[in-house]
Amino acid sequence: MTNMDLLKIGQKISIFFQKGANIVEMSCNIQKILDDRLVITLPPCFMRYINNLEVGKRLTLKVFSKVGTIDFNGVIISSPLEEDFCVELDYNAMKLTSSTDIPVVAAVETLSINLGESQFNAKTFEIATEYLKFYSDKKFQVNDVLDCALVLPQNYGTIYFKGTVSEIDPVYEGEYTLSDFCMTEDDRQLLLYYMYMYSNDSGWEEE
């Protein structure tokens, strides 16, 4: 199986680009797969970044599959103001990172969950920019949407978001996975920065 075989229509793809001092991540979907390009469906907020999406601009892209993530750099070859937004596809520049090799951090964050009028704390044990795993005595179902606050250590602040329960561990009771995060751009920037700083500081310890 080649990396190309892992690309599917409708698959989630994230676009990363620099805007000022910030790294912007846009969550999109693959609309079409052509010989030399991907046609991508952009989110409604793309107009605020229109100057960064001009033809000829270089982007970093990450595609999410069941066996891992596919990373590659691309060049915009048609503007989002045209009928299709297309990014160059270079088969030789695609890199697969197996799901077993994707770096995560041993989490030390507190997850505060609001469910109706109830609020309780859970303990995270694995965190990445695409998902979060936590322990809880509270029972959840797959597709439950939780209103959360992730309290970061080292005075990094708090990230507020909604997440969907995407997996319940079949072996270990009370272990859940949250994904499909909905958060503000500022909180997404904070999460990206926190993950970068945490993964580059091996001296962090749980307080």
N, C-alpha and C. Protein backbone atom coordinates (compact mmCIF):
# COMPACT_ATOMS: atom_id res chain seq x y z
N MET A 1 0.84 -1.19 0.00
CA MET A 1 0.00 0.00 0.00
C MET A 1 0.88 1.25 0.00
N THR A 2 0.58 2.20 -0.89
CA THR A 2 1.32 3.45 -0.94
C THR A 2 0.58 4.51 -0.14
N ASN A 3 1.28 5.64 0.11
CA ASN A 3 0.64 6.74 0.82
C ASN A 3 -0.58 7.25 0.07
N MET A 4 -0.51 7.21 -1.27
CA MET A 4 -1.64 7.66 -2.08
C MET A 4 -2.89 6.83 -1.81
N ASP A 5 -2.71 5.55 -1.54
CA ASP A 5 -3.85 4.67 -1.30
C ASP A 5 -4.60 5.05 -0.03
N LEU A 6 -3.95 5.80 0.85
CA LEU A 6 -4.58 6.20 2.10
C LEU A 6 -5.43 7.45 1.96
N LEU A 7 -5.31 8.15 0.82
CA LEU A 7 -6.12 9.36 0.61
C LEU A 7 -7.51 8.96 0.12
N LYS A 8 -8.53 9.51 0.77
CA LYS A 8 -9.91 9.20 0.43
C LYS A 8 -10.73 10.49 0.34
N ILE A 9 -11.71 10.50 -0.55
CA ILE A 9 -12.65 11.62 -0.62
C ILE A 9 -13.42 11.71 0.69
N GLY A 10 -13.56 12.92 1.21
CA GLY A 10 -14.25 13.13 2.47
C GLY A 10 -13.36 13.07 3.69
N GLN A 11 -12.09 12.69 3.50
CA GLN A 11 -11.15 12.56 4.60
C GLN A 11 -10.82 13.93 5.19
N LYS A 12 -10.56 13.93 6.50
CA LYS A 12 -10.16 15.17 7.17
C LYS A 12 -8.73 15.52 6.79
N ILE A 13 -8.50 16.81 6.49
CA ILE A 13 -7.16 17.29 6.18
C ILE A 13 -6.98 18.65 6.85
N SER A 14 -5.85 18.85 7.49
CA SER A 14 -5.56 20.14 8.13
C SER A 14 -4.52 20.89 7.30
N ILE A 15 -4.75 22.18 7.12
CA ILE A 15 -3.83 23.07 6.42
C ILE A 15 -3.17 23.97 7.44
N PHE A 16 -1.84 24.05 7.41
CA PHE A 16 -1.09 24.90 8.32
C PHE A 16 -0.37 25.98 7.52
N PHE A 17 -0.42 27.21 7.99
CA PHE A 17 0.36 28.27 7.36
C PHE A 17 0.65 29.35 8.40
N GLN A 18 1.64 30.16 8.09
CA GLN A 18 2.07 31.22 8.99
C GLN A 18 1.30 32.49 8.71
N LYS A 19 0.76 33.10 9.76
CA LYS A 19 0.10 34.41 9.65
C LYS A 19 0.63 35.28 10.77
N GLY A 20 1.54 36.18 10.40
CA GLY A 20 2.20 36.98 11.43
C GLY A 20 3.06 36.09 12.29
N ALA A 21 2.87 36.19 13.62
CA ALA A 21 3.64 35.36 14.55
C ALA A 21 2.93 34.07 14.88
N ASN A 22 1.75 33.83 14.28
CA ASN A 22 0.94 32.67 14.63
C ASN A 22 0.99 31.60 13.55
N ILE A 23 0.83 30.36 13.98
CA ILE A 23 0.59 29.25 13.06
C ILE A 23 -0.91 29.02 13.02
N VAL A 24 -1.49 29.09 11.84
CA VAL A 24 -2.93 28.89 11.68
C VAL A 24 -3.16 27.46 11.21
N GLU A 25 -4.10 26.78 11.85
CA GLU A 25 -4.51 25.44 11.42
C GLU A 25 -5.96 25.51 10.96
N MET A 26 -6.22 25.12 9.73
CA MET A 26 -7.58 25.09 9.19
C MET A 26 -7.98 23.64 8.96
N SER A 27 -9.08 23.23 9.57
CA SER A 27 -9.57 21.87 9.41
C SER A 27 -10.50 21.82 8.20
N CYS A 28 -10.15 20.99 7.21
CA CYS A 28 -10.87 20.94 5.93
C CYS A 28 -11.19 19.48 5.60
N ASN A 29 -11.71 19.28 4.38
CA ASN A 29 -11.99 17.94 3.89
C ASN A 29 -11.53 17.80 2.44
N ILE A 30 -11.16 16.59 2.07
CA ILE A 30 -10.79 16.33 0.68
C ILE A 30 -12.06 16.16 -0.15
N GLN A 31 -12.19 16.99 -1.18
CA GLN A 31 -13.37 16.94 -2.04
C GLN A 31 -13.14 16.05 -3.27
N LYS A 32 -11.94 16.16 -3.87
CA LYS A 32 -11.59 15.35 -5.04
C LYS A 32 -10.11 15.03 -4.98
N ILE A 33 -9.72 13.88 -5.55
CA ILE A 33 -8.32 13.49 -5.66
C ILE A 33 -8.01 13.33 -7.14
N LEU A 34 -7.18 14.23 -7.67
CA LEU A 34 -6.82 14.20 -9.08
C LEU A 34 -5.36 13.78 -9.22
N ASP A 35 -4.89 13.62 -10.45
CA ASP A 35 -3.54 13.10 -10.67
C ASP A 35 -2.46 13.95 -10.03
N ASP A 36 -2.60 15.27 -10.09
CA ASP A 36 -1.54 16.14 -9.61
C ASP A 36 -2.01 17.16 -8.57
N ARG A 37 -3.23 16.96 -8.05
CA ARG A 37 -3.75 17.96 -7.11
C ARG A 37 -4.86 17.37 -6.25
N LEU A 38 -5.07 18.04 -5.13
CA LEU A 38 -6.22 17.76 -4.28
C LEU A 38 -7.17 18.94 -4.35
N VAL A 39 -8.47 18.67 -4.49
CA VAL A 39 -9.48 19.69 -4.36
C VAL A 39 -9.98 19.64 -2.92
N ILE A 40 -9.92 20.79 -2.23
CA ILE A 40 -10.18 20.82 -0.80
C ILE A 40 -11.38 21.72 -0.50
N THR A 41 -12.25 21.24 0.36
CA THR A 41 -13.37 22.04 0.86
C THR A 41 -12.90 22.81 2.08
N LEU A 42 -12.95 24.14 2.01
CA LEU A 42 -12.48 24.99 3.10
C LEU A 42 -13.62 25.30 4.08
N PRO A 43 -13.29 25.61 5.34
CA PRO A 43 -14.33 25.97 6.31
C PRO A 43 -14.86 27.37 6.02
N PRO A 44 -16.01 27.75 6.60
CA PRO A 44 -16.60 29.07 6.33
C PRO A 44 -15.70 30.24 6.68
N CYS A 45 -14.77 30.05 7.62
CA CYS A 45 -13.95 31.17 8.10
C CYS A 45 -12.77 31.49 7.20
N PHE A 46 -12.64 30.82 6.04
CA PHE A 46 -11.41 30.96 5.26
C PHE A 46 -11.19 32.38 4.75
N MET A 47 -12.24 33.18 4.60
CA MET A 47 -12.09 34.52 4.02
C MET A 47 -11.17 35.41 4.84
N ARG A 48 -11.09 35.17 6.14
CA ARG A 48 -10.21 36.01 6.97
C ARG A 48 -8.74 35.76 6.65
N TYR A 49 -8.46 34.64 5.96
CA TYR A 49 -7.08 34.29 5.63
C TYR A 49 -6.84 34.35 4.12
N ILE A 50 -7.68 35.07 3.41
CA ILE A 50 -7.64 35.03 1.96
C ILE A 50 -6.27 35.43 1.40
N ASN A 51 -5.57 36.35 2.07
CA ASN A 51 -4.25 36.77 1.59
C ASN A 51 -3.21 35.66 1.72
N ASN A 52 -3.48 34.69 2.60
CA ASN A 52 -2.55 33.57 2.78
C ASN A 52 -2.91 32.39 1.88
N LEU A 53 -3.98 32.55 1.11
CA LEU A 53 -4.45 31.45 0.27
C LEU A 53 -4.41 31.83 -1.21
N GLU A 54 -3.49 32.73 -1.55
CA GLU A 54 -3.34 33.14 -2.94
C GLU A 54 -2.57 32.08 -3.73
N VAL A 55 -2.79 32.05 -5.02
CA VAL A 55 -2.09 31.11 -5.89
C VAL A 55 -0.57 31.30 -5.74
N GLY A 56 0.14 30.19 -5.59
CA GLY A 56 1.59 30.23 -5.44
C GLY A 56 2.07 30.16 -4.01
N LYS A 57 1.18 30.36 -3.04
CA LYS A 57 1.58 30.27 -1.64
C LYS A 57 1.87 28.81 -1.27
N ARG A 58 2.86 28.62 -0.40
CA ARG A 58 3.22 27.28 0.06
C ARG A 58 2.51 26.99 1.39
N LEU A 59 2.05 25.75 1.53
CA LEU A 59 1.32 25.33 2.72
C LEU A 59 1.88 23.99 3.20
N THR A 60 1.65 23.72 4.47
CA THR A 60 1.91 22.40 5.02
C THR A 60 0.56 21.72 5.26
N LEU A 61 0.43 20.46 4.85
CA LEU A 61 -0.83 19.75 4.98
C LEU A 61 -0.64 18.45 5.74
N LYS A 62 -1.67 18.08 6.50
CA LYS A 62 -1.65 16.84 7.28
C LYS A 62 -2.99 16.14 7.06
N VAL A 63 -2.93 14.92 6.56
CA VAL A 63 -4.12 14.11 6.31
C VAL A 63 -4.20 13.02 7.38
N PHE A 64 -5.40 12.80 7.91
CA PHE A 64 -5.58 11.84 8.99
C PHE A 64 -6.23 10.56 8.47
N SER A 65 -5.55 9.43 8.67
CA SER A 65 -6.09 8.13 8.28
C SER A 65 -6.04 7.19 9.47
N LYS A 66 -6.64 6.02 9.32
CA LYS A 66 -6.69 5.07 10.43
C LYS A 66 -5.32 4.51 10.78
N VAL A 67 -4.40 4.47 9.81
CA VAL A 67 -3.08 3.89 10.08
C VAL A 67 -2.04 4.94 10.45
N GLY A 68 -2.40 6.21 10.40
CA GLY A 68 -1.46 7.26 10.76
C GLY A 68 -1.76 8.56 10.03
N THR A 69 -0.83 9.49 10.08
CA THR A 69 -1.00 10.78 9.42
C THR A 69 -0.04 10.88 8.24
N ILE A 70 -0.51 11.55 7.19
CA ILE A 70 0.30 11.77 5.99
C ILE A 70 0.61 13.26 5.94
N ASP A 71 1.88 13.60 5.92
CA ASP A 71 2.33 14.99 5.90
C ASP A 71 2.98 15.31 4.57
N PHE A 72 2.68 16.49 4.05
CA PHE A 72 3.37 16.93 2.85
C PHE A 72 3.22 18.44 2.70
N ASN A 73 4.15 19.04 1.97
CA ASN A 73 4.08 20.46 1.64
C ASN A 73 3.44 20.60 0.27
N GLY A 74 2.69 21.67 0.09
CA GLY A 74 2.03 21.87 -1.19
C GLY A 74 2.03 23.32 -1.59
N VAL A 75 1.69 23.56 -2.83
CA VAL A 75 1.57 24.91 -3.37
C VAL A 75 0.13 25.09 -3.85
N ILE A 76 -0.47 26.24 -3.54
CA ILE A 76 -1.83 26.53 -3.98
C ILE A 76 -1.81 26.76 -5.49
N ILE A 77 -2.63 26.03 -6.23
CA ILE A 77 -2.64 26.18 -7.68
C ILE A 77 -3.98 26.72 -8.19
N SER A 78 -4.96 26.89 -7.32
CA SER A 78 -6.16 27.65 -7.70
C SER A 78 -6.74 28.29 -6.45
N SER A 79 -7.16 29.52 -6.57
CA SER A 79 -7.62 30.32 -5.44
C SER A 79 -8.95 29.80 -4.90
N PRO A 80 -9.21 29.99 -3.59
CA PRO A 80 -10.51 29.63 -3.04
C PRO A 80 -11.65 30.47 -3.61
N LEU A 81 -11.31 31.58 -4.31
CA LEU A 81 -12.33 32.41 -4.94
C LEU A 81 -12.79 31.82 -6.27
N GLU A 82 -12.07 30.80 -6.76
CA GLU A 82 -12.50 30.10 -7.97
C GLU A 82 -13.44 28.96 -7.58
N GLU A 83 -13.90 28.22 -8.57
CA GLU A 83 -14.88 27.16 -8.29
C GLU A 83 -14.30 26.09 -7.37
N ASP A 84 -13.03 25.71 -7.61
CA ASP A 84 -12.37 24.71 -6.78
C ASP A 84 -11.10 25.29 -6.18
N PHE A 85 -10.85 24.97 -4.91
CA PHE A 85 -9.60 25.32 -4.25
C PHE A 85 -8.69 24.11 -4.36
N CYS A 86 -7.58 24.24 -5.10
CA CYS A 86 -6.70 23.10 -5.38
C CYS A 86 -5.30 23.34 -4.84
N VAL A 87 -4.73 22.26 -4.33
CA VAL A 87 -3.36 22.28 -3.82
C VAL A 87 -2.56 21.22 -4.58
N GLU A 88 -1.36 21.58 -4.97
CA GLU A 88 -0.47 20.65 -5.67
C GLU A 88 -0.25 19.39 -4.85
N LEU A 89 -0.23 18.25 -5.51
CA LEU A 89 0.00 16.97 -4.85
C LEU A 89 1.26 16.34 -5.41
N ASP A 90 2.29 16.27 -4.57
CA ASP A 90 3.57 15.67 -4.97
C ASP A 90 3.68 14.31 -4.26
N TYR A 91 3.47 13.24 -5.01
CA TYR A 91 3.46 11.90 -4.42
C TYR A 91 4.78 11.56 -3.74
N ASN A 92 5.89 12.09 -4.28
CA ASN A 92 7.20 11.75 -3.75
C ASN A 92 7.52 12.48 -2.45
N ALA A 93 6.73 13.50 -2.13
CA ALA A 93 7.03 14.30 -0.94
C ALA A 93 6.12 13.98 0.24
N MET A 94 5.33 12.93 0.10
CA MET A 94 4.39 12.56 1.16
C MET A 94 5.06 11.64 2.16
N LYS A 95 4.88 11.96 3.45
CA LYS A 95 5.51 11.17 4.51
C LYS A 95 4.43 10.62 5.43
N LEU A 96 4.45 9.30 5.62
CA LEU A 96 3.49 8.66 6.52
C LEU A 96 4.11 8.47 7.89
N THR A 97 3.41 8.95 8.90
CA THR A 97 3.79 8.68 10.29
C THR A 97 2.77 7.71 10.86
N SER A 98 3.21 6.52 11.20
CA SER A 98 2.30 5.50 11.72
C SER A 98 1.62 6.00 12.99
N SER A 99 0.39 5.55 13.20
CA SER A 99 -0.36 5.98 14.39
C SER A 99 0.36 5.57 15.67
N THR A 100 1.21 4.53 15.59
CA THR A 100 1.96 4.11 16.78
C THR A 100 3.16 5.00 17.04
N ASP A 101 3.53 5.83 16.05
CA ASP A 101 4.70 6.69 16.18
C ASP A 101 4.36 8.17 16.35
N ILE A 102 3.05 8.51 16.32
CA ILE A 102 2.66 9.91 16.46
C ILE A 102 3.00 10.39 17.87
N PRO A 103 3.79 11.46 17.99
CA PRO A 103 4.18 11.90 19.33
C PRO A 103 3.01 12.46 20.11
N VAL A 104 2.90 12.01 21.35
CA VAL A 104 1.93 12.57 22.29
C VAL A 104 2.70 12.85 23.57
N VAL A 105 2.05 13.49 24.52
CA VAL A 105 2.71 13.78 25.78
C VAL A 105 1.96 13.08 26.91
N ALA A 106 2.70 12.72 27.94
CA ALA A 106 2.07 12.16 29.13
C ALA A 106 1.38 13.31 29.85
N ALA A 107 0.08 13.34 29.76
CA ALA A 107 -0.68 14.53 30.16
C ALA A 107 -0.69 14.73 31.67
N VAL A 108 -0.66 15.99 32.08
CA VAL A 108 -0.77 16.36 33.50
C VAL A 108 -1.86 17.41 33.68
N GLU A 109 -2.75 17.51 32.71
CA GLU A 109 -3.78 18.55 32.74
C GLU A 109 -5.03 18.05 33.46
N THR A 110 -5.78 18.98 34.00
CA THR A 110 -7.10 18.68 34.57
C THR A 110 -8.16 19.03 33.54
N LEU A 111 -9.10 18.13 33.34
CA LEU A 111 -10.19 18.36 32.39
C LEU A 111 -11.46 18.59 33.18
N SER A 112 -12.02 19.80 33.07
CA SER A 112 -13.27 20.14 33.73
C SER A 112 -14.40 19.99 32.71
N ILE A 113 -15.41 19.19 33.06
CA ILE A 113 -16.49 18.88 32.12
C ILE A 113 -17.82 19.40 32.66
N ASN A 114 -18.55 20.13 31.81
CA ASN A 114 -19.91 20.54 32.14
C ASN A 114 -20.87 19.66 31.37
N LEU A 115 -21.81 19.08 32.08
CA LEU A 115 -22.82 18.24 31.47
C LEU A 115 -24.16 18.62 32.08
N GLY A 116 -24.96 19.37 31.30
CA GLY A 116 -26.20 19.90 31.85
C GLY A 116 -25.87 20.90 32.96
N GLU A 117 -26.42 20.69 34.14
CA GLU A 117 -26.13 21.57 35.27
C GLU A 117 -25.01 21.03 36.15
N SER A 118 -24.46 19.89 35.78
CA SER A 118 -23.40 19.27 36.58
C SER A 118 -22.03 19.65 36.05
N GLN A 119 -21.07 19.76 36.98
CA GLN A 119 -19.68 20.01 36.61
C GLN A 119 -18.81 19.09 37.44
N PHE A 120 -17.84 18.45 36.80
CA PHE A 120 -16.95 17.55 37.51
C PHE A 120 -15.60 17.53 36.78
N ASN A 121 -14.58 17.08 37.49
CA ASN A 121 -13.24 17.02 36.93
C ASN A 121 -12.89 15.60 36.53
N ALA A 122 -12.15 15.49 35.42
CA ALA A 122 -11.62 14.21 34.97
C ALA A 122 -10.12 14.36 34.82
N LYS A 123 -9.42 13.25 34.66
CA LYS A 123 -7.97 13.28 34.56
C LYS A 123 -7.54 12.86 33.18
N THR A 124 -6.82 13.73 32.47
CA THR A 124 -6.29 13.37 31.17
C THR A 124 -5.09 12.44 31.34
N PHE A 125 -4.88 11.55 30.36
CA PHE A 125 -3.67 10.74 30.38
C PHE A 125 -2.96 10.71 29.04
N GLU A 126 -3.55 11.32 28.02
CA GLU A 126 -2.87 11.44 26.73
C GLU A 126 -3.52 12.59 25.98
N ILE A 127 -2.70 13.44 25.38
CA ILE A 127 -3.23 14.60 24.68
C ILE A 127 -2.42 14.84 23.41
N ALA A 128 -3.12 15.17 22.35
CA ALA A 128 -2.52 15.59 21.09
C ALA A 128 -3.42 16.68 20.53
N THR A 129 -3.02 17.29 19.44
CA THR A 129 -3.85 18.37 18.88
C THR A 129 -5.11 17.82 18.23
N GLU A 130 -5.17 16.51 17.93
CA GLU A 130 -6.33 15.96 17.26
C GLU A 130 -7.26 15.20 18.20
N TYR A 131 -6.79 14.85 19.39
CA TYR A 131 -7.64 14.08 20.30
C TYR A 131 -7.14 14.25 21.73
N LEU A 132 -7.96 13.77 22.68
CA LEU A 132 -7.60 13.81 24.09
C LEU A 132 -8.21 12.57 24.74
N LYS A 133 -7.43 11.91 25.60
CA LYS A 133 -7.93 10.74 26.31
C LYS A 133 -7.98 11.06 27.81
N PHE A 134 -9.04 10.57 28.47
CA PHE A 134 -9.20 10.89 29.88
C PHE A 134 -9.89 9.74 30.62
N TYR A 135 -9.67 9.74 31.97
CA TYR A 135 -10.36 8.81 32.86
C TYR A 135 -11.56 9.51 33.47
N SER A 136 -12.64 8.78 33.68
CA SER A 136 -13.79 9.34 34.39
C SER A 136 -14.66 8.22 34.94
N ASP A 137 -15.17 8.43 36.17
CA ASP A 137 -16.13 7.49 36.75
C ASP A 137 -17.52 7.71 36.15
N LYS A 138 -17.71 8.88 35.55
CA LYS A 138 -18.98 9.19 34.90
C LYS A 138 -19.11 8.37 33.62
N LYS A 139 -20.29 7.86 33.35
CA LYS A 139 -20.51 7.05 32.16
C LYS A 139 -20.90 7.93 30.98
N PHE A 140 -20.22 7.74 29.85
CA PHE A 140 -20.53 8.46 28.62
C PHE A 140 -20.83 7.47 27.51
N GLN A 141 -21.45 7.98 26.45
CA GLN A 141 -21.73 7.19 25.26
C GLN A 141 -20.97 7.79 24.08
N VAL A 142 -20.64 6.97 23.10
CA VAL A 142 -20.05 7.48 21.87
C VAL A 142 -20.99 8.50 21.25
N ASN A 143 -20.42 9.60 20.76
CA ASN A 143 -21.12 10.74 20.15
C ASN A 143 -21.68 11.72 21.17
N ASP A 144 -21.47 11.48 22.47
CA ASP A 144 -21.81 12.52 23.46
C ASP A 144 -20.93 13.73 23.22
N VAL A 145 -21.52 14.93 23.23
CA VAL A 145 -20.77 16.17 23.07
C VAL A 145 -20.59 16.80 24.45
N LEU A 146 -19.34 17.03 24.83
CA LEU A 146 -19.02 17.54 26.16
C LEU A 146 -18.48 18.96 26.07
N ASP A 147 -18.92 19.80 26.97
CA ASP A 147 -18.45 21.17 27.10
C ASP A 147 -17.31 21.15 28.11
N CYS A 148 -16.09 21.45 27.66
CA CYS A 148 -14.90 21.19 28.48
C CYS A 148 -14.04 22.43 28.69
N ALA A 149 -13.27 22.37 29.77
CA ALA A 149 -12.20 23.34 30.02
C ALA A 149 -10.95 22.54 30.37
N LEU A 150 -9.88 22.71 29.62
CA LEU A 150 -8.63 22.01 29.85
C LEU A 150 -7.68 22.95 30.58
N VAL A 151 -7.43 22.64 31.84
CA VAL A 151 -6.58 23.51 32.67
C VAL A 151 -5.13 23.06 32.51
N LEU A 152 -4.31 23.93 31.91
CA LEU A 152 -2.93 23.58 31.60
C LEU A 152 -2.00 23.88 32.78
N PRO A 153 -0.94 23.10 32.93
CA PRO A 153 0.03 23.37 33.99
C PRO A 153 0.95 24.53 33.63
N GLN A 154 1.85 24.86 34.55
CA GLN A 154 2.89 25.85 34.30
C GLN A 154 2.32 27.23 33.92
N ASN A 155 1.12 27.54 34.40
CA ASN A 155 0.49 28.85 34.13
C ASN A 155 0.27 29.12 32.65
N TYR A 156 0.07 28.05 31.87
CA TYR A 156 -0.19 28.24 30.44
C TYR A 156 -1.61 28.68 30.16
N GLY A 157 -2.49 28.55 31.13
CA GLY A 157 -3.86 29.02 30.94
C GLY A 157 -4.85 27.88 30.82
N THR A 158 -6.04 28.21 30.34
CA THR A 158 -7.13 27.25 30.21
C THR A 158 -7.69 27.30 28.80
N ILE A 159 -7.93 26.14 28.23
CA ILE A 159 -8.49 26.03 26.88
C ILE A 159 -9.94 25.56 27.00
N TYR A 160 -10.85 26.32 26.41
CA TYR A 160 -12.27 25.98 26.44
C TYR A 160 -12.68 25.41 25.08
N PHE A 161 -13.40 24.31 25.10
CA PHE A 161 -13.78 23.68 23.83
C PHE A 161 -14.94 22.71 24.03
N LYS A 162 -15.57 22.35 22.93
CA LYS A 162 -16.52 21.25 22.91
C LYS A 162 -15.84 20.08 22.19
N GLY A 163 -16.03 18.89 22.72
CA GLY A 163 -15.45 17.70 22.10
C GLY A 163 -16.47 16.57 22.07
N THR A 164 -16.29 15.67 21.13
CA THR A 164 -17.21 14.55 20.96
C THR A 164 -16.53 13.26 21.43
N VAL A 165 -17.24 12.48 22.24
CA VAL A 165 -16.72 11.18 22.67
C VAL A 165 -16.68 10.27 21.44
N SER A 166 -15.49 9.94 21.00
CA SER A 166 -15.34 9.16 19.77
C SER A 166 -15.00 7.69 20.04
N GLU A 167 -14.55 7.39 21.26
CA GLU A 167 -14.17 6.01 21.57
C GLU A 167 -14.29 5.75 23.06
N ILE A 168 -14.76 4.56 23.40
CA ILE A 168 -14.77 4.07 24.77
C ILE A 168 -13.88 2.85 24.80
N ASP A 169 -12.88 2.86 25.67
CA ASP A 169 -11.93 1.75 25.68
C ASP A 169 -12.66 0.44 25.98
N PRO A 170 -12.48 -0.57 25.12
CA PRO A 170 -13.21 -1.83 25.32
C PRO A 170 -12.66 -2.69 26.46
N VAL A 171 -11.45 -2.36 26.94
CA VAL A 171 -10.81 -3.17 27.98
C VAL A 171 -10.83 -2.46 29.33
N TYR A 172 -10.39 -1.19 29.32
CA TYR A 172 -10.23 -0.47 30.58
C TYR A 172 -11.44 0.42 30.83
N GLU A 173 -12.15 0.11 31.89
CA GLU A 173 -13.38 0.83 32.19
C GLU A 173 -13.07 2.28 32.56
N GLY A 174 -13.89 3.19 32.06
CA GLY A 174 -13.74 4.60 32.42
C GLY A 174 -12.73 5.36 31.60
N GLU A 175 -12.20 4.77 30.50
CA GLU A 175 -11.25 5.48 29.64
C GLU A 175 -11.95 5.88 28.34
N TYR A 176 -11.88 7.18 28.04
CA TYR A 176 -12.60 7.73 26.90
C TYR A 176 -11.66 8.54 26.02
N THR A 177 -12.03 8.66 24.75
CA THR A 177 -11.32 9.52 23.81
C THR A 177 -12.26 10.60 23.31
N LEU A 178 -11.79 11.86 23.36
CA LEU A 178 -12.51 13.00 22.81
C LEU A 178 -11.84 13.42 21.51
N SER A 179 -12.64 13.78 20.50
CA SER A 179 -12.07 14.31 19.26
C SER A 179 -13.07 15.30 18.67
N ASP A 180 -12.81 15.73 17.43
CA ASP A 180 -13.66 16.73 16.75
C ASP A 180 -13.84 17.97 17.62
N PHE A 181 -12.70 18.56 18.01
CA PHE A 181 -12.74 19.72 18.89
C PHE A 181 -13.34 20.94 18.20
N CYS A 182 -14.15 21.67 18.93
CA CYS A 182 -14.67 22.96 18.48
C CYS A 182 -14.20 23.99 19.49
N MET A 183 -13.32 24.90 19.05
CA MET A 183 -12.77 25.90 19.96
C MET A 183 -12.46 27.17 19.18
N THR A 184 -12.22 28.25 19.90
CA THR A 184 -11.89 29.51 19.24
C THR A 184 -10.48 29.42 18.66
N GLU A 185 -10.19 30.32 17.75
CA GLU A 185 -8.86 30.33 17.15
C GLU A 185 -7.79 30.62 18.20
N ASP A 186 -8.09 31.51 19.16
CA ASP A 186 -7.12 31.83 20.20
C ASP A 186 -6.80 30.59 21.04
N ASP A 187 -7.83 29.81 21.39
CA ASP A 187 -7.59 28.61 22.17
C ASP A 187 -6.84 27.56 21.35
N ARG A 188 -7.13 27.47 20.05
CA ARG A 188 -6.41 26.53 19.21
C ARG A 188 -4.94 26.91 19.13
N GLN A 189 -4.66 28.22 19.04
CA GLN A 189 -3.28 28.69 19.03
C GLN A 189 -2.58 28.34 20.33
N LEU A 190 -3.30 28.49 21.45
CA LEU A 190 -2.73 28.17 22.75
C LEU A 190 -2.42 26.68 22.84
N LEU A 191 -3.32 25.83 22.34
CA LEU A 191 -3.08 24.39 22.37
C LEU A 191 -1.87 24.02 21.52
N LEU A 192 -1.77 24.58 20.31
CA LEU A 192 -0.62 24.30 19.46
C LEU A 192 0.68 24.73 20.13
N TYR A 193 0.67 25.93 20.72
CA TYR A 193 1.88 26.44 21.37
C TYR A 193 2.24 25.59 22.58
N TYR A 194 1.23 25.23 23.36
CA TYR A 194 1.46 24.40 24.54
C TYR A 194 2.04 23.04 24.17
N MET A 195 1.46 22.41 23.12
CA MET A 195 1.95 21.11 22.70
C MET A 195 3.39 21.21 22.21
N TYR A 196 3.70 22.30 21.48
CA TYR A 196 5.07 22.50 20.99
C TYR A 196 6.03 22.66 22.16
N MET A 197 5.68 23.51 23.13
CA MET A 197 6.56 23.77 24.26
C MET A 197 6.71 22.52 25.13
N TYR A 198 5.62 21.81 25.34
CA TYR A 198 5.66 20.62 26.19
C TYR A 198 6.54 19.54 25.56
N SER A 199 6.35 19.31 24.26
CA SER A 199 7.12 18.25 23.60
C SER A 199 8.59 18.58 23.49
N ASN A 200 8.96 19.84 23.69
CA ASN A 200 10.37 20.25 23.61
C ASN A 200 10.97 20.53 24.98
N ASP A 201 10.26 20.15 26.06
CA ASP A 201 10.76 20.38 27.41
C ASP A 201 10.59 19.09 28.19
N SER A 202 11.63 18.26 28.21
CA SER A 202 11.54 16.96 28.86
C SER A 202 11.58 17.07 30.37
N GLY A 203 11.81 18.27 30.90
CA GLY A 203 11.93 18.43 32.34
C GLY A 203 10.61 18.69 33.04
N TRP A 204 9.51 18.77 32.32
CA TRP A 204 8.22 19.03 32.97
C TRP A 204 7.82 17.83 33.81
N GLU A 205 7.30 18.14 34.98
CA GLU A 205 6.82 17.07 35.86
C GLU A 205 5.45 17.46 36.39
N GLU A 206 4.71 16.47 36.79
CA GLU A 206 3.39 16.73 37.35
C GLU A 206 3.54 17.44 38.68
N GLU A 207 2.73 18.50 38.85
CA GLU A 207 2.81 19.25 40.08
C GLU A 207 1.92 18.60 41.16
